[in-house]
Amino acid sequence: MSKSSEYIIQNIFNCYKSQLLKKPMPLKHHKAVDAITSCQSGERGVSAYECDDKRNLTLIGHSCRHRSCPLCAARRRHQWVEE
């Protein structure tokens, strides 16, 4: 799955988050929706990386590391395949 496809799934969940969380479903599903929608968005905190010349500052949102998250699961899957 390409990086853009993973963000498309996250964007769809973000668009329908309020409707999804209103539906009766197990707590673990609510947690998955929350994890997927907040992954790498900055809601879970950010890490700042700065170049040696201190001209470029990059902020990267923290991952949720939830097994259902397409952003996190894809990274682990690729790592597992490489090993």
Protein backbone atom coordinates (compact mmCIF):
# COMPACT_ATOMS: atom_id res chain seq x y z
CA MET A 1 0.00 0.00 0.00
CA SER A 2 1.43 3.37 -0.93
CA LYS A 3 1.90 6.19 1.57
CA SER A 4 -0.86 8.25 -0.07
CA SER A 5 -3.31 5.32 0.22
CA GLU A 6 -2.59 5.08 3.93
CA TYR A 7 -3.41 8.75 4.43
CA ILE A 8 -6.59 8.36 2.39
CA ILE A 9 -7.83 5.77 4.87
CA GLN A 10 -6.94 8.08 7.75
CA ASN A 11 -8.76 10.97 6.05
CA ILE A 12 -11.90 8.86 5.56
CA PHE A 13 -11.88 7.92 9.23
CA ASN A 14 -11.43 11.60 10.14
CA CYS A 15 -14.41 12.59 7.98
CA TYR A 16 -16.72 10.03 9.59
CA LYS A 17 -15.23 9.92 13.10
CA SER A 18 -18.22 11.52 14.81
CA GLN A 19 -20.67 9.09 13.17
CA LEU A 20 -18.42 6.10 13.91
CA LEU A 21 -18.08 6.96 17.59
CA LYS A 22 -21.86 7.33 17.97
CA LYS A 23 -22.47 3.75 16.81
CA PRO A 24 -22.69 1.02 19.43
CA MET A 25 -19.55 -1.08 19.09
CA PRO A 26 -16.94 -2.63 21.37
CA LEU A 27 -14.55 -0.31 23.20
CA LYS A 28 -11.59 -1.73 21.25
CA HIS A 29 -13.19 -0.48 18.01
CA HIS A 30 -13.61 3.01 19.48
CA LYS A 31 -9.96 2.93 20.50
CA ALA A 32 -8.94 1.87 16.98
CA VAL A 33 -10.89 4.74 15.42
CA ASP A 34 -9.26 7.18 17.84
CA ALA A 35 -5.78 5.78 17.17
CA ILE A 36 -6.14 5.84 13.37
CA THR A 37 -7.50 9.39 13.28
CA SER A 38 -4.83 10.83 15.59
CA CYS A 39 -1.78 8.95 14.24
CA GLN A 40 1.03 11.29 13.15
CA SER A 41 -1.32 14.28 13.35
CA GLY A 42 0.36 15.96 16.29
CA GLU A 43 -2.42 15.08 18.74
CA ARG A 44 -0.13 12.49 20.31
CA GLY A 45 2.80 14.89 20.50
CA VAL A 46 5.58 15.78 18.09
CA SER A 47 9.32 15.32 17.77
CA ALA A 48 11.42 18.19 16.45
CA TYR A 49 14.43 17.50 14.24
CA GLU A 50 16.86 20.25 13.32
CA CYS A 51 19.67 20.24 10.76
CA ASP A 52 23.24 20.83 11.89
CA ASP A 53 23.21 24.32 10.40
CA LYS A 54 20.00 25.05 12.38
CA ARG A 55 18.18 26.35 9.30
CA ASN A 56 15.62 23.60 8.86
CA LEU A 57 13.31 22.44 11.62
CA THR A 58 11.08 19.44 10.93
CA LEU A 59 8.21 18.47 13.21
CA ILE A 60 7.02 14.87 12.99
CA GLY A 61 3.87 13.68 14.75
CA HIS A 62 4.10 10.63 16.97
CA SER A 63 2.63 7.34 15.79
CA CYS A 64 -0.17 5.53 17.58
CA ARG A 65 1.40 2.07 17.09
CA HIS A 66 -2.06 0.50 16.95
CA ARG A 67 -2.18 -2.78 15.05
CA SER A 68 -5.17 -1.63 12.97
CA CYS A 69 -3.58 1.66 11.89
CA PRO A 70 -2.56 1.52 8.22
CA LEU A 71 0.32 3.94 8.82
CA CYS A 72 1.85 1.96 11.68
CA ALA A 73 0.94 -1.55 10.56
CA ALA A 74 2.44 -1.04 7.10
CA ARG A 75 5.78 -0.02 8.60
CA ARG A 76 5.84 -3.09 10.85
CA ARG A 77 4.76 -5.35 7.98
CA HIS A 78 7.56 -4.07 5.74
CA GLN A 79 10.05 -4.48 8.58
CA TRP A 80 8.87 -8.04 9.19
CA VAL A 81 9.17 -8.92 5.47
CA GLU A 82 12.70 -7.50 5.32
CA GLU A 83 13.79 -9.54 8.34
